[in-house]
PDB file of all heavy atoms in Angstrom:
ATOM      1  N   GLY A   1      90.570 119.778  53.771  1.00  0.00           N
ATOM      2  CA  GLY A   1      90.726 120.978  52.963  1.00  0.00           C
ATOM      3  C   GLY A   1      92.157 121.283  52.631  1.00  0.00           C
ATOM      4  O   GLY A   1      93.053 121.147  53.455  1.00  0.00           O
ATOM      5  N   TYR A   2      92.411 121.704  51.406  1.00  0.00           N
ATOM      6  CA  TYR A   2      93.761 122.006  50.939  1.00  0.00           C
ATOM      7  C   TYR A   2      94.387 123.132  51.747  1.00  0.00           C
ATOM      8  O   TYR A   2      93.811 124.205  51.901  1.00  0.00           O
ATOM      9  CB  TYR A   2      93.727 122.384  49.461  1.00  0.00           C
ATOM     10  CG  TYR A   2      95.060 122.817  48.925  1.00  0.00           C
ATOM     11  CD1 TYR A   2      96.056 121.873  48.702  1.00  0.00           C
ATOM     12  CD2 TYR A   2      95.336 124.141  48.679  1.00  0.00           C
ATOM     13  CE1 TYR A   2      97.291 122.254  48.230  1.00  0.00           C
ATOM     14  CE2 TYR A   2      96.574 124.531  48.207  1.00  0.00           C
ATOM     15  CZ  TYR A   2      97.537 123.580  47.980  1.00  0.00           C
ATOM     16  OH  TYR A   2      98.773 123.963  47.518  1.00  0.00           O
ATOM     17  N   GLY A   3      95.578 122.908  52.277  1.00  0.00           N
ATOM     18  CA  GLY A   3      96.350 123.938  52.956  1.00  0.00           C
ATOM     19  C   GLY A   3      95.853 124.331  54.330  1.00  0.00           C
ATOM     20  O   GLY A   3      96.360 125.273  54.914  1.00  0.00           O
ATOM     21  N   ASN A   4      94.868 123.647  54.882  1.00  0.00           N
ATOM     22  CA  ASN A   4      94.353 124.025  56.193  1.00  0.00           C
ATOM     23  C   ASN A   4      95.409 123.833  57.264  1.00  0.00           C
ATOM     24  O   ASN A   4      96.229 122.934  57.205  1.00  0.00           O
ATOM     25  CB  ASN A   4      93.117 123.198  56.550  1.00  0.00           C
ATOM     26  CG  ASN A   4      91.872 123.702  55.872  1.00  0.00           C
ATOM     27  OD1 ASN A   4      91.829 124.832  55.395  1.00  0.00           O
ATOM     28  ND2 ASN A   4      90.849 122.884  55.829  1.00  0.00           N
ATOM     29  N   ARG A   5      95.373 124.708  58.244  1.00  0.00           N
ATOM     30  CA  ARG A   5      96.322 124.658  59.350  1.00  0.00           C
ATOM     31  C   ARG A   5      95.624 124.142  60.595  1.00  0.00           C
ATOM     32  O   ARG A   5      94.436 124.348  60.792  1.00  0.00           O
ATOM     33  CB  ARG A   5      96.901 126.053  59.623  1.00  0.00           C
ATOM     34  CG  ARG A   5      97.678 126.613  58.441  1.00  0.00           C
ATOM     35  CD  ARG A   5      98.912 125.803  58.210  1.00  0.00           C
ATOM     36  NE  ARG A   5      99.706 126.305  57.115  1.00  0.00           N
ATOM     37  CZ  ARG A   5     100.320 125.532  56.251  1.00  0.00           C
ATOM     38  NH1 ARG A   5     100.217 124.233  56.326  1.00  0.00           N
ATOM     39  NH2 ARG A   5     101.044 126.037  55.295  1.00  0.00           N
ATOM     40  N   LEU A   6      96.383 123.492  61.447  1.00  0.00           N
ATOM     41  CA  LEU A   6      95.848 122.938  62.676  1.00  0.00           C
ATOM     42  C   LEU A   6      95.834 123.979  63.779  1.00  0.00           C
ATOM     43  O   LEU A   6      96.620 124.913  63.777  1.00  0.00           O
ATOM     44  CB  LEU A   6      96.707 121.760  63.129  1.00  0.00           C
ATOM     45  CG  LEU A   6      96.795 120.571  62.189  1.00  0.00           C
ATOM     46  CD1 LEU A   6      97.759 119.539  62.763  1.00  0.00           C
ATOM     47  CD2 LEU A   6      95.438 119.964  61.969  1.00  0.00           C
ATOM     48  N   THR A   7      94.944 123.764  64.732  1.00  0.00           N
ATOM     49  CA  THR A   7      95.010 124.503  65.978  1.00  0.00           C
ATOM     50  C   THR A   7      96.075 123.794  66.793  1.00  0.00           C
ATOM     51  O   THR A   7      95.860 122.672  67.263  1.00  0.00           O
ATOM     52  CB  THR A   7      93.652 124.475  66.708  1.00  0.00           C
ATOM     53  OG1 THR A   7      92.672 125.020  65.837  1.00  0.00           O
ATOM     54  CG2 THR A   7      93.709 125.259  68.003  1.00  0.00           C
ATOM     55  N   THR A   8      97.254 124.414  66.916  1.00  0.00           N
ATOM     56  CA  THR A   8      98.408 123.681  67.455  1.00  0.00           C
ATOM     57  C   THR A   8      98.510 123.701  68.970  1.00  0.00           C
ATOM     58  O   THR A   8      99.255 122.909  69.532  1.00  0.00           O
ATOM     59  CB  THR A   8      99.711 124.242  66.863  1.00  0.00           C
ATOM     60  OG1 THR A   8      99.787 125.637  67.153  1.00  0.00           O
ATOM     61  CG2 THR A   8      99.748 124.025  65.367  1.00  0.00           C
ATOM     62  N   ASP A   9      97.797 124.597  69.653  1.00  0.00           N
ATOM     63  CA  ASP A   9      97.944 124.627  71.108  1.00  0.00           C
ATOM     64  C   ASP A   9      97.325 123.398  71.760  1.00  0.00           C
ATOM     65  O   ASP A   9      97.871 122.854  72.701  1.00  0.00           O
ATOM     66  CB  ASP A   9      97.391 125.926  71.704  1.00  0.00           C
ATOM     67  CG  ASP A   9      95.946 126.195  71.310  1.00  0.00           C
ATOM     68  OD1 ASP A   9      95.444 125.531  70.381  1.00  0.00           O
ATOM     69  OD2 ASP A   9      95.333 127.082  71.923  1.00  0.00           O
ATOM     70  N   GLN A  10      96.192 122.921  71.239  1.00  0.00           N
ATOM     71  CA  GLN A  10      95.567 121.704  71.751  1.00  0.00           C
ATOM     72  C   GLN A  10      94.846 120.995  70.610  1.00  0.00           C
ATOM     73  O   GLN A  10      93.629 121.127  70.471  1.00  0.00           O
ATOM     74  CB  GLN A  10      94.579 122.027  72.872  1.00  0.00           C
ATOM     75  CG  GLN A  10      95.237 122.513  74.138  1.00  0.00           C
ATOM     76  CD  GLN A  10      94.204 122.696  75.240  1.00  0.00           C
ATOM     77  OE1 GLN A  10      93.035 122.932  74.991  1.00  0.00           O
ATOM     78  NE2 GLN A  10      94.662 122.580  76.462  1.00  0.00           N
ATOM     79  N   PRO A  11      95.576 120.253  69.768  1.00  0.00           N
ATOM     80  CA  PRO A  11      94.905 119.541  68.679  1.00  0.00           C
ATOM     81  C   PRO A  11      93.841 118.582  69.223  1.00  0.00           C
ATOM     82  O   PRO A  11      94.075 117.883  70.201  1.00  0.00           O
ATOM     83  CB  PRO A  11      96.034 118.759  68.009  1.00  0.00           C
ATOM     84  CG  PRO A  11      97.284 119.451  68.421  1.00  0.00           C
ATOM     85  CD  PRO A  11      97.008 120.026  69.783  1.00  0.00           C
ATOM     86  N   MET A  12      92.648 118.629  68.621  1.00  0.00           N
ATOM     87  CA  MET A  12      91.555 117.755  69.051  1.00  0.00           C
ATOM     88  C   MET A  12      91.134 116.857  67.896  1.00  0.00           C
ATOM     89  O   MET A  12      91.305 117.210  66.732  1.00  0.00           O
ATOM     90  CB  MET A  12      90.367 118.588  69.519  1.00  0.00           C
ATOM     91  CG  MET A  12      90.673 119.410  70.761  1.00  0.00           C
ATOM     92  SD  MET A  12      89.214 120.184  71.460  1.00  0.00           S
ATOM     93  CE  MET A  12      88.834 121.413  70.240  1.00  0.00           C
ATOM     94  N   LEU A  13      90.569 115.732  68.217  1.00  0.00           N
ATOM     95  CA  LEU A  13      90.161 114.754  67.222  1.00  0.00           C
ATOM     96  C   LEU A  13      89.225 115.354  66.174  1.00  0.00           C
ATOM     97  O   LEU A  13      89.272 114.984  65.007  1.00  0.00           O
ATOM     98  CB  LEU A  13      89.509 113.559  67.912  1.00  0.00           C
ATOM     99  CG  LEU A  13      89.155 112.375  67.025  1.00  0.00           C
ATOM    100  CD1 LEU A  13      90.388 111.836  66.311  1.00  0.00           C
ATOM    101  CD2 LEU A  13      88.490 111.284  67.838  1.00  0.00           C
ATOM    102  N   THR A  14      88.394 116.315  66.563  1.00  0.00           N
ATOM    103  CA  THR A  14      87.421 116.891  65.628  1.00  0.00           C
ATOM    104  C   THR A  14      88.077 117.693  64.502  1.00  0.00           C
ATOM    105  O   THR A  14      87.412 118.010  63.526  1.00  0.00           O
ATOM    106  CB  THR A  14      86.420 117.787  66.376  1.00  0.00           C
ATOM    107  OG1 THR A  14      87.151 118.784  67.105  1.00  0.00           O
ATOM    108  CG2 THR A  14      85.564 116.964  67.324  1.00  0.00           C
ATOM    109  N   GLN A  15      89.350 118.029  64.615  1.00  0.00           N
ATOM    110  CA  GLN A  15      90.056 118.752  63.550  1.00  0.00           C
ATOM    111  C   GLN A  15      90.395 117.853  62.369  1.00  0.00           C
ATOM    112  O   GLN A  15      90.678 118.345  61.289  1.00  0.00           O
ATOM    113  CB  GLN A  15      91.383 119.319  64.059  1.00  0.00           C
ATOM    114  CG  GLN A  15      91.265 120.454  65.018  1.00  0.00           C
ATOM    115  CD  GLN A  15      92.640 121.020  65.283  1.00  0.00           C
ATOM    116  OE1 GLN A  15      93.159 121.799  64.493  1.00  0.00           O
ATOM    117  NE2 GLN A  15      93.235 120.621  66.382  1.00  0.00           N
ATOM    118  N   PHE A  16      90.403 116.558  62.568  1.00  0.00           N
ATOM    119  CA  PHE A  16      90.953 115.644  61.579  1.00  0.00           C
ATOM    120  C   PHE A  16      89.855 114.867  60.850  1.00  0.00           C
ATOM    121  O   PHE A  16      88.860 114.483  61.439  1.00  0.00           O
ATOM    122  CB  PHE A  16      91.908 114.667  62.258  1.00  0.00           C
ATOM    123  CG  PHE A  16      92.970 115.355  63.070  1.00  0.00           C
ATOM    124  CD1 PHE A  16      92.894 115.387  64.447  1.00  0.00           C
ATOM    125  CD2 PHE A  16      94.026 115.997  62.449  1.00  0.00           C
ATOM    126  CE1 PHE A  16      93.866 116.032  65.197  1.00  0.00           C
ATOM    127  CE2 PHE A  16      95.000 116.649  63.186  1.00  0.00           C
ATOM    128  CZ  PHE A  16      94.918 116.664  64.559  1.00  0.00           C
ATOM    129  N   ASP A  17      90.083 114.653  59.551  1.00  0.00           N
ATOM    130  CA  ASP A  17      89.130 113.843  58.798  1.00  0.00           C
ATOM    131  C   ASP A  17      89.821 112.903  57.809  1.00  0.00           C
ATOM    132  O   ASP A  17      89.180 112.317  56.953  1.00  0.00           O
ATOM    133  CB  ASP A  17      88.119 114.715  58.076  1.00  0.00           C
ATOM    134  CG  ASP A  17      88.711 115.479  56.908  1.00  0.00           C
ATOM    135  OD1 ASP A  17      89.948 115.484  56.743  1.00  0.00           O
ATOM    136  OD2 ASP A  17      87.936 116.082  56.144  1.00  0.00           O
ATOM    137  N   HIS A  18      91.144 112.770  57.925  1.00  0.00           N
ATOM    138  CA  HIS A  18      91.881 111.940  56.977  1.00  0.00           C
ATOM    139  C   HIS A  18      93.167 111.465  57.648  1.00  0.00           C
ATOM    140  O   HIS A  18      93.654 112.100  58.581  1.00  0.00           O
ATOM    141  CB  HIS A  18      92.207 112.760  55.726  1.00  0.00           C
ATOM    142  CG  HIS A  18      92.705 111.957  54.573  1.00  0.00           C
ATOM    143  ND1 HIS A  18      92.046 110.863  54.063  1.00  0.00           N
ATOM    144  CD2 HIS A  18      93.823 112.087  53.819  1.00  0.00           C
ATOM    145  CE1 HIS A  18      92.726 110.368  53.044  1.00  0.00           C
ATOM    146  NE2 HIS A  18      93.807 111.086  52.877  1.00  0.00           N
ATOM    147  N   CYS A  19      93.704 110.371  57.172  1.00  0.00           N
ATOM    148  CA  CYS A  19      94.935 109.831  57.752  1.00  0.00           C
ATOM    149  C   CYS A  19      95.846 109.319  56.647  1.00  0.00           C
ATOM    150  O   CYS A  19      95.392 108.656  55.712  1.00  0.00           O
ATOM    151  CB  CYS A  19      94.594 108.697  58.721  1.00  0.00           C
ATOM    152  SG  CYS A  19      96.031 108.040  59.591  1.00  0.00           S
ATOM    153  N   LEU A  20      97.114 109.674  56.735  1.00  0.00           N
ATOM    154  CA  LEU A  20      98.161 109.173  55.839  1.00  0.00           C
ATOM    155  C   LEU A  20      99.093 108.281  56.630  1.00  0.00           C
ATOM    156  O   LEU A  20      98.969 108.158  57.844  1.00  0.00           O
ATOM    157  CB  LEU A  20      98.986 110.331  55.273  1.00  0.00           C
ATOM    158  CG  LEU A  20      98.300 111.403  54.467  1.00  0.00           C
ATOM    159  CD1 LEU A  20      99.313 112.433  54.014  1.00  0.00           C
ATOM    160  CD2 LEU A  20      97.587 110.821  53.289  1.00  0.00           C
ATOM    161  N   VAL A  21     100.074 107.738  55.941  1.00  0.00           N
ATOM    162  CA  VAL A  21     101.130 106.964  56.586  1.00  0.00           C
ATOM    163  C   VAL A  21     102.455 107.654  56.282  1.00  0.00           C
ATOM    164  O   VAL A  21     102.727 108.019  55.135  1.00  0.00           O
ATOM    165  CB  VAL A  21     101.161 105.517  56.057  1.00  0.00           C
ATOM    166  CG1 VAL A  21     102.346 104.758  56.629  1.00  0.00           C
ATOM    167  CG2 VAL A  21      99.860 104.811  56.374  1.00  0.00           C
ATOM    168  N   ALA A  22     103.262 107.874  57.303  1.00  0.00           N
ATOM    169  CA  ALA A  22     104.631 108.379  57.132  1.00  0.00           C
ATOM    170  C   ALA A  22     105.564 107.197  57.345  1.00  0.00           C
ATOM    171  O   ALA A  22     105.672 106.673  58.450  1.00  0.00           O
ATOM    172  CB  ALA A  22     104.933 109.489  58.129  1.00  0.00           C
ATOM    173  N   ALA A  23     106.204 106.754  56.268  1.00  0.00           N
ATOM    174  CA  ALA A  23     107.136 105.633  56.347  1.00  0.00           C
ATOM    175  C   ALA A  23     108.554 106.189  56.275  1.00  0.00           C
ATOM    176  O   ALA A  23     108.846 107.063  55.464  1.00  0.00           O
ATOM    177  CB  ALA A  23     106.888 104.651  55.207  1.00  0.00           C
ATOM    178  N   ARG A  24     109.411 105.699  57.117  1.00  0.00           N
ATOM    179  CA  ARG A  24     110.785 106.192  57.181  1.00  0.00           C
ATOM    180  C   ARG A  24     111.602 105.592  56.041  1.00  0.00           C
ATOM    181  O   ARG A  24     111.625 104.385  55.836  1.00  0.00           O
ATOM    182  CB  ARG A  24     111.392 105.820  58.530  1.00  0.00           C
ATOM    183  CG  ARG A  24     112.552 106.652  58.921  1.00  0.00           C
ATOM    184  CD  ARG A  24     112.053 108.000  59.395  1.00  0.00           C
ATOM    185  NE  ARG A  24     113.201 108.863  59.577  1.00  0.00           N
ATOM    186  CZ  ARG A  24     113.171 110.159  59.385  1.00  0.00           C
ATOM    187  NH1 ARG A  24     112.073 110.756  59.040  1.00  0.00           N
ATOM    188  NH2 ARG A  24     114.237 110.889  59.547  1.00  0.00           N
ATOM    189  N   SER A  25     112.278 106.463  55.275  1.00  0.00           N
ATOM    190  CA  SER A  25     113.163 106.024  54.201  1.00  0.00           C
ATOM    191  C   SER A  25     114.467 106.787  54.344  1.00  0.00           C
ATOM    192  O   SER A  25     114.538 107.964  54.012  1.00  0.00           O
ATOM    193  CB  SER A  25     112.532 106.305  52.834  1.00  0.00           C
ATOM    194  OG  SER A  25     113.430 105.977  51.801  1.00  0.00           O
ATOM    195  N   GLY A  26     115.473 106.121  54.879  1.00  0.00           N
ATOM    196  CA  GLY A  26     116.745 106.810  55.123  1.00  0.00           C
ATOM    197  C   GLY A  26     116.566 107.878  56.178  1.00  0.00           C
ATOM    198  O   GLY A  26     116.145 107.602  57.289  1.00  0.00           O
ATOM    199  N   ASP A  27     116.842 109.154  55.804  1.00  0.00           N
ATOM    200  CA  ASP A  27     116.751 110.241  56.775  1.00  0.00           C
ATOM    201  C   ASP A  27     115.497 111.100  56.604  1.00  0.00           C
ATOM    202  O   ASP A  27     115.405 112.178  57.171  1.00  0.00           O
ATOM    203  CB  ASP A  27     118.002 111.117  56.701  1.00  0.00           C
ATOM    204  CG  ASP A  27     118.158 111.785  55.335  1.00  0.00           C
ATOM    205  OD1 ASP A  27     117.446 111.399  54.391  1.00  0.00           O
ATOM    206  OD2 ASP A  27     118.997 112.703  55.218  1.00  0.00           O
ATOM    207  N   HIS A  28     114.521 110.640  55.817  1.00  0.00           N
ATOM    208  CA  HIS A  28     113.293 111.436  55.658  1.00  0.00           C
ATOM    209  C   HIS A  28     112.065 110.536  55.611  1.00  0.00           C
ATOM    210  O   HIS A  28     112.168 109.327  55.417  1.00  0.00           O
ATOM    211  CB  HIS A  28     113.372 112.313  54.400  1.00  0.00           C
ATOM    212  CG  HIS A  28     113.237 111.568  53.117  1.00  0.00           C
ATOM    213  ND1 HIS A  28     114.234 110.781  52.589  1.00  0.00           N
ATOM    214  CD2 HIS A  28     112.190 111.470  52.265  1.00  0.00           C
ATOM    215  CE1 HIS A  28     113.820 110.237  51.458  1.00  0.00           C
ATOM    216  NE2 HIS A  28     112.584 110.637  51.236  1.00  0.00           N
ATOM    217  N   ASP A  29     110.912 111.168  55.832  1.00  0.00           N
ATOM    218  CA  ASP A  29     109.645 110.448  55.766  1.00  0.00           C
ATOM    219  C   ASP A  29     109.115 110.452  54.344  1.00  0.00           C
ATOM    220  O   ASP A  29     109.204 111.452  53.631  1.00  0.00           O
ATOM    221  CB  ASP A  29     108.599 111.102  56.681  1.00  0.00           C
ATOM    222  CG  ASP A  29     108.813 110.774  58.139  1.00  0.00           C
ATOM    223  OD1 ASP A  29     109.361 109.700  58.435  1.00  0.00           O
ATOM    224  OD2 ASP A  29     108.423 111.599  58.993  1.00  0.00           O
ATOM    225  N   VAL A  30     108.567 109.343  53.937  1.00  0.00           N
ATOM    226  CA  VAL A  30     107.846 109.219  52.673  1.00  0.00           C
ATOM    227  C   VAL A  30     106.372 109.128  53.060  1.00  0.00           C
ATOM    228  O   VAL A  30     105.985 108.246  53.823  1.00  0.00           O
ATOM    229  CB  VAL A  30     108.276 107.955  51.897  1.00  0.00           C
ATOM    230  CG1 VAL A  30     107.413 107.761  50.667  1.00  0.00           C
ATOM    231  CG2 VAL A  30     109.747 108.034  51.522  1.00  0.00           C
TER     232      VAL A  30
END
C-alpha cells in the first residue's frame, strides 16, 4: 500500500509483501 508505515517496535514478516533492492552508489542508495 502507498505510504504505509511499519510497526517499528518489532517488525514482523507478516507486515511485508514486496521487496526492492538498495544498491550503493557513491554516498547514497539507489
